[in-house]
Amino acid sequence: MPLRQSYKFLTTFRRHSKENIDIIKYNREFMEIYTFLSVNK
């Protein structure tokens, strides 16, 4: 990957990292709830 492209990728990733972290956190909680419900079905 060219340097400019990787730099662009990093800046884009940094811009979205807060949202991504929130999404990951939300998904983890969702999966815990989902597995809990599945086990207790």
N, C-alpha and C. Protein backbone atom coordinates (compact mmCIF):
# COMPACT_ATOMS: atom_id res chain seq x y z
N MET A 1 0.84 -1.19 0.00
CA MET A 1 0.00 0.00 0.00
C MET A 1 0.88 1.25 0.00
N PRO A 2 0.62 2.19 -0.90
CA PRO A 2 1.43 3.42 -0.91
C PRO A 2 1.27 4.20 0.39
N LEU A 3 2.27 4.99 0.65
CA LEU A 3 2.30 5.72 1.91
C LEU A 3 1.10 6.69 2.03
N ARG A 4 0.82 7.38 0.96
CA ARG A 4 -0.28 8.35 1.00
C ARG A 4 -1.59 7.64 1.31
N GLN A 5 -1.81 6.50 0.68
CA GLN A 5 -3.04 5.75 0.90
C GLN A 5 -3.14 5.29 2.36
N SER A 6 -2.06 4.77 2.89
CA SER A 6 -2.09 4.30 4.27
C SER A 6 -2.31 5.46 5.23
N TYR A 7 -1.71 6.62 4.92
CA TYR A 7 -1.92 7.79 5.77
C TYR A 7 -3.39 8.21 5.73
N LYS A 8 -3.96 8.20 4.54
CA LYS A 8 -5.37 8.54 4.39
C LYS A 8 -6.23 7.56 5.17
N PHE A 9 -5.89 6.30 5.08
CA PHE A 9 -6.62 5.28 5.82
C PHE A 9 -6.55 5.55 7.32
N LEU A 10 -5.36 5.87 7.80
CA LEU A 10 -5.19 6.11 9.24
C LEU A 10 -5.99 7.32 9.70
N THR A 11 -5.97 8.40 8.93
CA THR A 11 -6.71 9.60 9.33
C THR A 11 -8.21 9.31 9.32
N THR A 12 -8.67 8.58 8.31
CA THR A 12 -10.08 8.22 8.25
C THR A 12 -10.46 7.35 9.43
N PHE A 13 -9.59 6.38 9.72
CA PHE A 13 -9.85 5.50 10.83
C PHE A 13 -9.90 6.28 12.14
N ARG A 14 -8.98 7.19 12.31
CA ARG A 14 -8.96 7.98 13.54
C ARG A 14 -10.24 8.80 13.66
N ARG A 15 -10.69 9.35 12.54
CA ARG A 15 -11.91 10.16 12.57
C ARG A 15 -13.10 9.31 13.02
N HIS A 16 -13.15 8.05 12.58
CA HIS A 16 -14.30 7.21 12.87
C HIS A 16 -14.10 6.32 14.09
N SER A 17 -12.94 6.41 14.72
CA SER A 17 -12.64 5.44 15.77
C SER A 17 -13.58 5.56 16.95
N LYS A 18 -13.98 6.78 17.28
CA LYS A 18 -14.91 6.95 18.40
C LYS A 18 -16.22 6.23 18.11
N GLU A 19 -16.77 6.44 16.92
CA GLU A 19 -18.02 5.78 16.54
C GLU A 19 -17.83 4.27 16.52
N ASN A 20 -16.71 3.83 15.98
CA ASN A 20 -16.46 2.39 15.90
C ASN A 20 -16.39 1.76 17.28
N ILE A 21 -15.75 2.46 18.21
CA ILE A 21 -15.65 1.94 19.57
C ILE A 21 -17.04 1.84 20.19
N ASP A 22 -17.87 2.86 19.97
CA ASP A 22 -19.24 2.82 20.48
C ASP A 22 -20.00 1.65 19.88
N ILE A 23 -19.86 1.44 18.58
CA ILE A 23 -20.55 0.35 17.90
C ILE A 23 -20.08 -0.99 18.45
N ILE A 24 -18.77 -1.14 18.62
CA ILE A 24 -18.22 -2.39 19.14
C ILE A 24 -18.75 -2.65 20.55
N LYS A 25 -18.75 -1.61 21.37
CA LYS A 25 -19.24 -1.74 22.74
C LYS A 25 -20.71 -2.15 22.72
N TYR A 26 -21.50 -1.51 21.87
CA TYR A 26 -22.92 -1.81 21.77
C TYR A 26 -23.12 -3.26 21.32
N ASN A 27 -22.34 -3.68 20.31
CA ASN A 27 -22.48 -5.04 19.80
C ASN A 27 -22.11 -6.06 20.85
N ARG A 28 -21.10 -5.78 21.65
CA ARG A 28 -20.70 -6.71 22.70
C ARG A 28 -21.84 -6.88 23.70
N GLU A 29 -22.44 -5.75 24.11
CA GLU A 29 -23.57 -5.82 25.04
C GLU A 29 -24.72 -6.58 24.42
N PHE A 30 -25.00 -6.31 23.16
CA PHE A 30 -26.08 -6.99 22.47
C PHE A 30 -25.83 -8.50 22.43
N MET A 31 -24.60 -8.90 22.11
CA MET A 31 -24.28 -10.32 22.04
C MET A 31 -24.42 -10.98 23.41
N GLU A 32 -24.03 -10.29 24.47
CA GLU A 32 -24.19 -10.86 25.80
C GLU A 32 -25.66 -11.08 26.12
N ILE A 33 -26.48 -10.09 25.81
CA ILE A 33 -27.93 -10.22 26.04
C ILE A 33 -28.49 -11.35 25.19
N TYR A 34 -28.08 -11.40 23.94
CA TYR A 34 -28.59 -12.40 23.01
C TYR A 34 -28.24 -13.81 23.48
N THR A 35 -26.99 -14.01 23.88
CA THR A 35 -26.59 -15.35 24.34
C THR A 35 -27.31 -15.69 25.64
N PHE A 36 -27.47 -14.70 26.51
CA PHE A 36 -28.22 -14.92 27.76
C PHE A 36 -29.63 -15.40 27.46
N LEU A 37 -30.30 -14.73 26.52
CA LEU A 37 -31.67 -15.12 26.16
C LEU A 37 -31.69 -16.48 25.50
N SER A 38 -30.70 -16.77 24.67
CA SER A 38 -30.66 -18.06 23.98
C SER A 38 -30.50 -19.20 24.98
N VAL A 39 -29.64 -19.00 25.96
CA VAL A 39 -29.38 -20.04 26.95
C VAL A 39 -30.63 -20.27 27.80
N ASN A 40 -31.35 -19.21 28.10
CA ASN A 40 -32.50 -19.32 29.00
C ASN A 40 -33.82 -19.55 28.26
N LYS A 41 -33.74 -19.91 27.01
CA LYS A 41 -34.95 -20.08 26.22
C LYS A 41 -35.76 -21.28 26.73
